[in-house]
Amino acid sequence: MYLNTIMLPYFYHKELDSIKQQFVLNEETSKHCVQVLRMQNGEKLQLTNGLGLLCTVEIIEANKRNTIVRIIEKSEVKSQNQKVIIAISLLKNASRFEWFLEKASEIGVTEIIPLISKRTERQSFKFDRLNNIVVAAMLQSQQAFLPILHQPIYYNDLFTNKLINQSTNKLIAHCLEENKTPITKVENSDDVIILIGPEGDFTPEEIEIALQNNFKPVTLGNTRLRTETAGIVAATLLVNK
């Protein structure tokens, strides 16, 4: 989803709402506006709360710690009809997982669930750092909806998660030789979740658990992909169906 708006500086303001007409930007955003962009009183920027609210605001008091702005225009951006959830194994190489988060967020994935499966080789999960990457990707791609980044979840616990059970289309990508539907042939649905395994793939037991919970096996193509690449291929094909 892209916004047809004038190219104004674009920022995330979690506390933004449609009731207040005047408010103070946080220190990080204020500093970027005043010290980096050299913005002054009377200049305009855009803000989103990541929940679909998009506002054009005017600076009425530029300050590097607490810039004051007022809303001059606001709109509610319509969300995409389809919810796309990617549950993907954490990676030993943290930078590769960060790359996946950035690109999946730019593409327009709705939610991301980091998985801990039997073969997952994981490092520490720094939620604040990773969520900041998601926010930056949302702003880079000029979206008004912030993808939800969940805390890591153990694979077996995934199937008792209410969010997962509400999904109408459940998919699992794995490398075992068996009948699998090409992801491009999967029927459209309002809500879809796909499971992406670690570098060593899901174990046969994990695959069987998914099948028992009504997950359909799919293939992403004819080549064996890295975990993060598989996640991006799935994101691209599902978001744009």
C-alpha atoms as a PDB file:
ATOM      1  CA  MET A   1       0.000   0.000   0.000  1.00  0.00           C
ATOM      2  CA  TYR A   2       1.420   3.364  -1.023  1.00  0.00           C
ATOM      3  CA  LEU A   3       0.036   6.740  -0.018  1.00  0.00           C
ATOM      4  CA  ASN A   4      -0.658   9.364  -2.674  1.00  0.00           C
ATOM      5  CA  THR A   5       0.606  12.302  -0.690  1.00  0.00           C
ATOM      6  CA  ILE A   6       2.966  15.245  -1.149  1.00  0.00           C
ATOM      7  CA  MET A   7       6.535  14.214  -0.343  1.00  0.00           C
ATOM      8  CA  LEU A   8       6.781  15.632   3.151  1.00  0.00           C
ATOM      9  CA  PRO A   9       9.047  14.264   5.903  1.00  0.00           C
ATOM     10  CA  TYR A  10       7.275  11.213   7.313  1.00  0.00           C
ATOM     11  CA  PHE A  11       7.377  10.133  10.970  1.00  0.00           C
ATOM     12  CA  TYR A  12       5.826   7.637  13.386  1.00  0.00           C
ATOM     13  CA  HIS A  13       4.047   9.072  16.419  1.00  0.00           C
ATOM     14  CA  LYS A  14       2.497   6.314  18.510  1.00  0.00           C
ATOM     15  CA  GLU A  15       0.360   8.693  20.597  1.00  0.00           C
ATOM     16  CA  LEU A  16      -1.163  10.419  17.574  1.00  0.00           C
ATOM     17  CA  ASP A  17      -4.972  10.529  17.681  1.00  0.00           C
ATOM     18  CA  SER A  18      -7.728  12.279  15.775  1.00  0.00           C
ATOM     19  CA  ILE A  19      -9.003  14.298  18.763  1.00  0.00           C
ATOM     20  CA  LYS A  20      -6.048  16.438  19.814  1.00  0.00           C
ATOM     21  CA  GLN A  21      -5.282  19.285  17.433  1.00  0.00           C
ATOM     22  CA  GLN A  22      -1.954  20.249  18.974  1.00  0.00           C
ATOM     23  CA  PHE A  23       0.710  18.138  20.615  1.00  0.00           C
ATOM     24  CA  VAL A  24       4.435  17.735  21.295  1.00  0.00           C
ATOM     25  CA  LEU A  25       6.699  15.476  19.262  1.00  0.00           C
ATOM     26  CA  ASN A  26       9.002  13.165  21.168  1.00  0.00           C
ATOM     27  CA  GLU A  27      12.659  14.102  21.536  1.00  0.00           C
ATOM     28  CA  GLU A  28      13.933  11.764  18.819  1.00  0.00           C
ATOM     29  CA  THR A  29      11.519  13.098  16.189  1.00  0.00           C
ATOM     30  CA  SER A  30      12.027  16.690  17.345  1.00  0.00           C
ATOM     31  CA  LYS A  31      15.792  16.366  17.050  1.00  0.00           C
ATOM     32  CA  HIS A  32      15.533  14.876  13.562  1.00  0.00           C
ATOM     33  CA  CYS A  33      13.209  17.643  12.389  1.00  0.00           C
ATOM     34  CA  VAL A  34      15.136  20.557  13.871  1.00  0.00           C
ATOM     35  CA  GLN A  35      18.789  19.467  13.823  1.00  0.00           C
ATOM     36  CA  VAL A  36      18.926  17.072  10.865  1.00  0.00           C
ATOM     37  CA  LEU A  37      16.288  18.480   8.499  1.00  0.00           C
ATOM     38  CA  ARG A  38      16.668  22.085   9.759  1.00  0.00           C
ATOM     39  CA  MET A  39      12.887  22.514   9.831  1.00  0.00           C
ATOM     40  CA  GLN A  40      11.441  25.760  11.153  1.00  0.00           C
ATOM     41  CA  ASN A  41       8.114  27.182  12.295  1.00  0.00           C
ATOM     42  CA  GLY A  42       5.468  26.984   9.565  1.00  0.00           C
ATOM     43  CA  GLU A  43       6.982  23.936   7.824  1.00  0.00           C
ATOM     44  CA  LYS A  44       4.910  20.788   7.430  1.00  0.00           C
ATOM     45  CA  LEU A  45       5.463  17.083   7.971  1.00  0.00           C
ATOM     46  CA  GLN A  46       3.381  13.927   8.045  1.00  0.00           C
ATOM     47  CA  LEU A  47       2.707  11.657  10.992  1.00  0.00           C
ATOM     48  CA  THR A  48       1.129   8.241  11.350  1.00  0.00           C
ATOM     49  CA  ASN A  49       0.262   6.256  14.457  1.00  0.00           C
ATOM     50  CA  GLY A  50       0.790   2.963  12.619  1.00  0.00           C
ATOM     51  CA  LEU A  51      -2.912   2.184  12.962  1.00  0.00           C
ATOM     52  CA  GLY A  52      -4.111   3.866   9.785  1.00  0.00           C
ATOM     53  CA  LEU A  53      -4.313   7.485  10.959  1.00  0.00           C
ATOM     54  CA  LEU A  54      -2.340   9.847   8.719  1.00  0.00           C
ATOM     55  CA  CYS A  55      -1.974  13.533   9.600  1.00  0.00           C
ATOM     56  CA  THR A  56      -0.300  16.498   7.987  1.00  0.00           C
ATOM     57  CA  VAL A  57       0.937  18.802  10.732  1.00  0.00           C
ATOM     58  CA  GLU A  58       2.541  22.233  10.882  1.00  0.00           C
ATOM     59  CA  ILE A  59       5.376  23.164  13.202  1.00  0.00           C
ATOM     60  CA  ILE A  60       4.341  26.019  15.471  1.00  0.00           C
ATOM     61  CA  GLU A  61       7.329  25.878  17.825  1.00  0.00           C
ATOM     62  CA  ALA A  62      10.514  24.239  16.570  1.00  0.00           C
ATOM     63  CA  ASN A  63      12.639  22.843  19.413  1.00  0.00           C
ATOM     64  CA  LYS A  64      15.208  20.058  19.297  1.00  0.00           C
ATOM     65  CA  ARG A  65      13.748  18.437  22.422  1.00  0.00           C
ATOM     66  CA  ASN A  66      10.010  19.059  22.203  1.00  0.00           C
ATOM     67  CA  THR A  67       8.754  20.482  18.927  1.00  0.00           C
ATOM     68  CA  ILE A  68       5.092  21.561  19.058  1.00  0.00           C
ATOM     69  CA  VAL A  69       2.892  20.897  16.031  1.00  0.00           C
ATOM     70  CA  ARG A  70      -0.753  21.300  15.105  1.00  0.00           C
ATOM     71  CA  ILE A  71      -2.857  19.144  12.801  1.00  0.00           C
ATOM     72  CA  ILE A  72      -3.963  20.836   9.586  1.00  0.00           C
ATOM     73  CA  GLU A  73      -5.234  17.753   7.750  1.00  0.00           C
ATOM     74  CA  LYS A  74      -6.055  14.184   8.752  1.00  0.00           C
ATOM     75  CA  SER A  75      -7.353  11.044   7.107  1.00  0.00           C
ATOM     76  CA  GLU A  76      -7.946   7.387   7.874  1.00  0.00           C
ATOM     77  CA  VAL A  77      -6.130   5.112   5.457  1.00  0.00           C
ATOM     78  CA  LYS A  78      -8.046   1.992   4.517  1.00  0.00           C
ATOM     79  CA  SER A  79      -6.291  -1.186   5.561  1.00  0.00           C
ATOM     80  CA  GLN A  80      -5.539  -3.978   3.134  1.00  0.00           C
ATOM     81  CA  ASN A  81      -8.279  -6.597   3.024  1.00  0.00           C
ATOM     82  CA  GLN A  82      -5.944  -9.536   3.560  1.00  0.00           C
ATOM     83  CA  LYS A  83      -4.023 -10.261   6.745  1.00  0.00           C
ATOM     84  CA  VAL A  84      -0.667 -11.907   5.998  1.00  0.00           C
ATOM     85  CA  ILE A  85       1.183 -13.451   8.956  1.00  0.00           C
ATOM     86  CA  ILE A  86       4.659 -14.934   8.592  1.00  0.00           C
ATOM     87  CA  ALA A  87       5.906 -17.196  11.386  1.00  0.00           C
ATOM     88  CA  ILE A  88       9.612 -17.615  10.673  1.00  0.00           C
ATOM     89  CA  SER A  89      12.495 -19.212  12.517  1.00  0.00           C
ATOM     90  CA  LEU A  90      15.035 -16.980  14.181  1.00  0.00           C
ATOM     91  CA  LEU A  91      18.485 -17.060  12.592  1.00  0.00           C
ATOM     92  CA  LYS A  92      21.930 -17.464  14.075  1.00  0.00           C
ATOM     93  CA  ASN A  93      23.078 -14.548  11.914  1.00  0.00           C
ATOM     94  CA  ALA A  94      21.139 -11.650  13.447  1.00  0.00           C
ATOM     95  CA  SER A  95      21.781  -9.300  10.517  1.00  0.00           C
ATOM     96  CA  ARG A  96      20.049 -11.671   8.113  1.00  0.00           C
ATOM     97  CA  PHE A  97      16.949 -11.773  10.323  1.00  0.00           C
ATOM     98  CA  GLU A  98      17.018  -7.972  10.529  1.00  0.00           C
ATOM     99  CA  TRP A  99      17.182  -7.825   6.722  1.00  0.00           C
ATOM    100  CA  PHE A 100      14.096 -10.049   6.531  1.00  0.00           C
ATOM    101  CA  LEU A 101      12.192  -7.840   8.980  1.00  0.00           C
ATOM    102  CA  GLU A 102      13.014  -4.718   7.007  1.00  0.00           C
ATOM    103  CA  LYS A 103      12.005  -6.105   3.618  1.00  0.00           C
ATOM    104  CA  ALA A 104       8.900  -7.950   4.827  1.00  0.00           C
ATOM    105  CA  SER A 105       7.692  -4.748   6.486  1.00  0.00           C
ATOM    106  CA  GLU A 106       8.273  -2.731   3.313  1.00  0.00           C
ATOM    107  CA  ILE A 107       6.331  -5.319   1.314  1.00  0.00           C
ATOM    108  CA  GLY A 108       3.343  -4.981   3.648  1.00  0.00           C
ATOM    109  CA  VAL A 109       3.244  -8.104   5.830  1.00  0.00           C
ATOM    110  CA  THR A 110       0.692  -7.673   8.615  1.00  0.00           C
ATOM    111  CA  GLU A 111       2.363  -9.621  11.423  1.00  0.00           C
ATOM    112  CA  ILE A 112       5.671 -11.383  12.035  1.00  0.00           C
ATOM    113  CA  ILE A 113       6.075 -14.187  14.569  1.00  0.00           C
ATOM    114  CA  PRO A 114       9.671 -15.263  15.329  1.00  0.00           C
ATOM    115  CA  LEU A 115       9.749 -19.042  15.789  1.00  0.00           C
ATOM    116  CA  ILE A 116      11.980 -21.230  17.939  1.00  0.00           C
ATOM    117  CA  SER A 117      11.923 -24.713  16.460  1.00  0.00           C
ATOM    118  CA  LYS A 118      14.066 -27.747  17.231  1.00  0.00           C
ATOM    119  CA  ARG A 119      16.777 -26.801  14.726  1.00  0.00           C
ATOM    120  CA  THR A 120      16.726 -23.064  15.372  1.00  0.00           C
ATOM    121  CA  GLU A 121      20.164 -21.673  16.215  1.00  0.00           C
ATOM    122  CA  ARG A 122      19.296 -18.410  17.863  1.00  0.00           C
ATOM    123  CA  GLN A 123      21.046 -15.475  19.416  1.00  0.00           C
ATOM    124  CA  SER A 124      19.476 -13.024  21.829  1.00  0.00           C
ATOM    125  CA  PHE A 125      16.246 -11.387  20.666  1.00  0.00           C
ATOM    126  CA  LYS A 126      16.441  -7.623  21.135  1.00  0.00           C
ATOM    127  CA  PHE A 127      12.815  -6.604  20.708  1.00  0.00           C
ATOM    128  CA  ASP A 128      13.285  -2.818  20.853  1.00  0.00           C
ATOM    129  CA  ARG A 129      16.031  -2.848  18.213  1.00  0.00           C
ATOM    130  CA  LEU A 130      14.071  -5.143  15.908  1.00  0.00           C
ATOM    131  CA  ASN A 131      10.829  -3.226  16.344  1.00  0.00           C
ATOM    132  CA  ASN A 132      12.671  -0.011  15.463  1.00  0.00           C
ATOM    133  CA  ILE A 133      13.718  -1.686  12.202  1.00  0.00           C
ATOM    134  CA  VAL A 134      10.066  -2.467  11.485  1.00  0.00           C
ATOM    135  CA  VAL A 135       9.079   1.151  12.217  1.00  0.00           C
ATOM    136  CA  ALA A 136      11.845   2.488   9.955  1.00  0.00           C
ATOM    137  CA  ALA A 137      10.730   0.165   7.144  1.00  0.00           C
ATOM    138  CA  MET A 138       7.123   1.323   7.506  1.00  0.00           C
ATOM    139  CA  LEU A 139       8.247   4.940   7.183  1.00  0.00           C
ATOM    140  CA  GLN A 140      10.599   4.183   4.302  1.00  0.00           C
ATOM    141  CA  SER A 141       7.739   2.599   2.345  1.00  0.00           C
ATOM    142  CA  GLN A 142       5.296   5.380   3.325  1.00  0.00           C
ATOM    143  CA  GLN A 143       2.751   3.068   4.949  1.00  0.00           C
ATOM    144  CA  ALA A 144       0.228   3.987   7.623  1.00  0.00           C
ATOM    145  CA  PHE A 145       0.034   0.551   9.247  1.00  0.00           C
ATOM    146  CA  LEU A 146       2.832  -0.759  11.434  1.00  0.00           C
ATOM    147  CA  PRO A 147       3.400  -4.522  11.120  1.00  0.00           C
ATOM    148  CA  ILE A 148       3.036  -6.283  14.454  1.00  0.00           C
ATOM    149  CA  LEU A 149       6.263  -7.894  15.643  1.00  0.00           C
ATOM    150  CA  HIS A 150       5.585 -10.590  18.239  1.00  0.00           C
ATOM    151  CA  GLN A 151       7.910 -11.945  20.885  1.00  0.00           C
ATOM    152  CA  PRO A 152       9.495 -15.293  19.925  1.00  0.00           C
ATOM    153  CA  ILE A 153       7.327 -18.353  20.433  1.00  0.00           C
ATOM    154  CA  TYR A 154       8.288 -22.017  20.697  1.00  0.00           C
ATOM    155  CA  TYR A 155       7.091 -24.032  17.731  1.00  0.00           C
ATOM    156  CA  ASN A 156       4.809 -26.405  19.646  1.00  0.00           C
ATOM    157  CA  ASP A 157       3.172 -23.488  21.463  1.00  0.00           C
ATOM    158  CA  LEU A 158       2.235 -21.940  18.138  1.00  0.00           C
ATOM    159  CA  PHE A 159      -0.690 -24.294  17.625  1.00  0.00           C
ATOM    160  CA  THR A 160      -2.449 -23.249  20.817  1.00  0.00           C
ATOM    161  CA  ASN A 161      -2.210 -19.582  19.870  1.00  0.00           C
ATOM    162  CA  LYS A 162      -5.643 -18.025  19.318  1.00  0.00           C
ATOM    163  CA  LEU A 163      -4.293 -15.794  16.549  1.00  0.00           C
ATOM    164  CA  ILE A 164      -3.148 -18.818  14.557  1.00  0.00           C
ATOM    165  CA  ASN A 165      -6.377 -20.731  15.001  1.00  0.00           C
ATOM    166  CA  GLN A 166      -8.375 -17.786  13.637  1.00  0.00           C
ATOM    167  CA  SER A 167      -6.469 -17.779  10.338  1.00  0.00           C
ATOM    168  CA  THR A 168      -8.557 -19.120   7.486  1.00  0.00           C
ATOM    169  CA  ASN A 169      -5.616 -20.300   5.368  1.00  0.00           C
ATOM    170  CA  LYS A 170      -2.711 -22.088   7.067  1.00  0.00           C
ATOM    171  CA  LEU A 171       0.436 -22.931   5.102  1.00  0.00           C
ATOM    172  CA  ILE A 172       3.803 -24.510   5.850  1.00  0.00           C
ATOM    173  CA  ALA A 173       6.851 -24.358   3.574  1.00  0.00           C
ATOM    174  CA  HIS A 174       9.306 -27.202   4.036  1.00  0.00           C
ATOM    175  CA  CYS A 175      11.898 -29.157   2.041  1.00  0.00           C
ATOM    176  CA  LEU A 176      10.732 -32.780   2.389  1.00  0.00           C
ATOM    177  CA  GLU A 177       9.814 -34.589  -0.798  1.00  0.00           C
ATOM    178  CA  GLU A 178       6.037 -34.899  -0.833  1.00  0.00           C
ATOM    179  CA  ASN A 179       3.070 -33.468  -2.663  1.00  0.00           C
ATOM    180  CA  LYS A 180       3.061 -29.717  -2.127  1.00  0.00           C
ATOM    181  CA  THR A 181       0.992 -26.981  -3.716  1.00  0.00           C
ATOM    182  CA  PRO A 182       2.890 -24.141  -5.418  1.00  0.00           C
ATOM    183  CA  ILE A 183       2.284 -21.046  -3.328  1.00  0.00           C
ATOM    184  CA  THR A 184       1.155 -19.236  -6.479  1.00  0.00           C
ATOM    185  CA  LYS A 185      -1.736 -21.717  -6.732  1.00  0.00           C
ATOM    186  CA  VAL A 186      -3.000 -21.210  -3.181  1.00  0.00           C
ATOM    187  CA  GLU A 187      -6.529 -19.841  -3.055  1.00  0.00           C
ATOM    188  CA  ASN A 188      -7.018 -16.278  -1.878  1.00  0.00           C
ATOM    189  CA  SER A 189      -8.341 -15.786   1.654  1.00  0.00           C
ATOM    190  CA  ASP A 190      -8.870 -12.956   4.117  1.00  0.00           C
ATOM    191  CA  ASP A 191      -6.291 -14.287   6.558  1.00  0.00           C
ATOM    192  CA  VAL A 192      -3.222 -16.382   5.783  1.00  0.00           C
ATOM    193  CA  ILE A 193      -0.317 -17.603   7.884  1.00  0.00           C
ATOM    194  CA  ILE A 194       2.755 -19.364   6.565  1.00  0.00           C
ATOM    195  CA  LEU A 195       5.417 -21.177   8.582  1.00  0.00           C
ATOM    196  CA  ILE A 196       9.044 -20.793   7.446  1.00  0.00           C
ATOM    197  CA  GLY A 197      11.591 -23.116   9.038  1.00  0.00           C
ATOM    198  CA  PRO A 198      15.225 -22.716  10.130  1.00  0.00           C
ATOM    199  CA  GLU A 199      18.291 -23.313   7.978  1.00  0.00           C
ATOM    200  CA  GLY A 200      18.098 -27.057   8.677  1.00  0.00           C
ATOM    201  CA  ASP A 201      14.345 -27.096   7.917  1.00  0.00           C
ATOM    202  CA  PHE A 202      11.569 -28.266  10.190  1.00  0.00           C
ATOM    203  CA  THR A 203      11.926 -31.792  11.545  1.00  0.00           C
ATOM    204  CA  PRO A 204       9.576 -34.474  10.168  1.00  0.00           C
ATOM    205  CA  GLU A 205       7.816 -34.450  13.542  1.00  0.00           C
ATOM    206  CA  GLU A 206       7.258 -30.686  13.369  1.00  0.00           C
ATOM    207  CA  ILE A 207       5.890 -30.966   9.855  1.00  0.00           C
ATOM    208  CA  GLU A 208       3.501 -33.694  10.974  1.00  0.00           C
ATOM    209  CA  ILE A 209       2.247 -31.532  13.863  1.00  0.00           C
ATOM    210  CA  ALA A 210       1.483 -28.754  11.398  1.00  0.00           C
ATOM    211  CA  LEU A 211      -0.367 -31.097   9.064  1.00  0.00           C
ATOM    212  CA  GLN A 212      -2.421 -32.418  11.968  1.00  0.00           C
ATOM    213  CA  ASN A 213      -3.390 -28.812  12.703  1.00  0.00           C
ATOM    214  CA  ASN A 214      -4.704 -28.267   9.171  1.00  0.00           C
ATOM    215  CA  PHE A 215      -1.643 -26.571   7.715  1.00  0.00           C
ATOM    216  CA  LYS A 216      -1.208 -27.191   3.979  1.00  0.00           C
ATOM    217  CA  PRO A 217       2.281 -27.930   2.595  1.00  0.00           C
ATOM    218  CA  VAL A 218       3.422 -25.491  -0.081  1.00  0.00           C
ATOM    219  CA  THR A 219       6.479 -25.023  -2.259  1.00  0.00           C
ATOM    220  CA  LEU A 220       8.087 -21.662  -2.953  1.00  0.00           C
ATOM    221  CA  GLY A 221       9.845 -22.771  -6.129  1.00  0.00           C
ATOM    222  CA  ASN A 222      12.327 -25.235  -7.557  1.00  0.00           C
ATOM    223  CA  THR A 223      15.393 -24.097  -5.609  1.00  0.00           C
ATOM    224  CA  ARG A 224      16.293 -24.459  -1.948  1.00  0.00           C
ATOM    225  CA  LEU A 225      16.161 -21.028  -0.326  1.00  0.00           C
ATOM    226  CA  ARG A 226      17.739 -19.538   2.769  1.00  0.00           C
ATOM    227  CA  THR A 227      15.273 -18.953   5.571  1.00  0.00           C
ATOM    228  CA  GLU A 228      15.183 -15.182   5.123  1.00  0.00           C
ATOM    229  CA  THR A 229      14.899 -15.501   1.333  1.00  0.00           C
ATOM    230  CA  ALA A 230      12.021 -17.955   1.693  1.00  0.00           C
ATOM    231  CA  GLY A 231      10.297 -15.478   4.001  1.00  0.00           C
ATOM    232  CA  ILE A 232      10.605 -12.667   1.459  1.00  0.00           C
ATOM    233  CA  VAL A 233       9.408 -14.848  -1.426  1.00  0.00           C
ATOM    234  CA  ALA A 234       6.379 -15.889   0.635  1.00  0.00           C
ATOM    235  CA  ALA A 235       5.698 -12.294   1.680  1.00  0.00           C
ATOM    236  CA  THR A 236       5.866 -10.996  -1.886  1.00  0.00           C
ATOM    237  CA  LEU A 237       3.604 -13.681  -3.328  1.00  0.00           C
ATOM    238  CA  LEU A 238       1.012 -13.610  -0.537  1.00  0.00           C
ATOM    239  CA  VAL A 239       0.735  -9.838  -0.073  1.00  0.00           C
ATOM    240  CA  ASN A 240       0.270  -9.289  -3.783  1.00  0.00           C
ATOM    241  CA  LYS A 241      -2.222 -12.108  -4.458  1.00  0.00           C
END
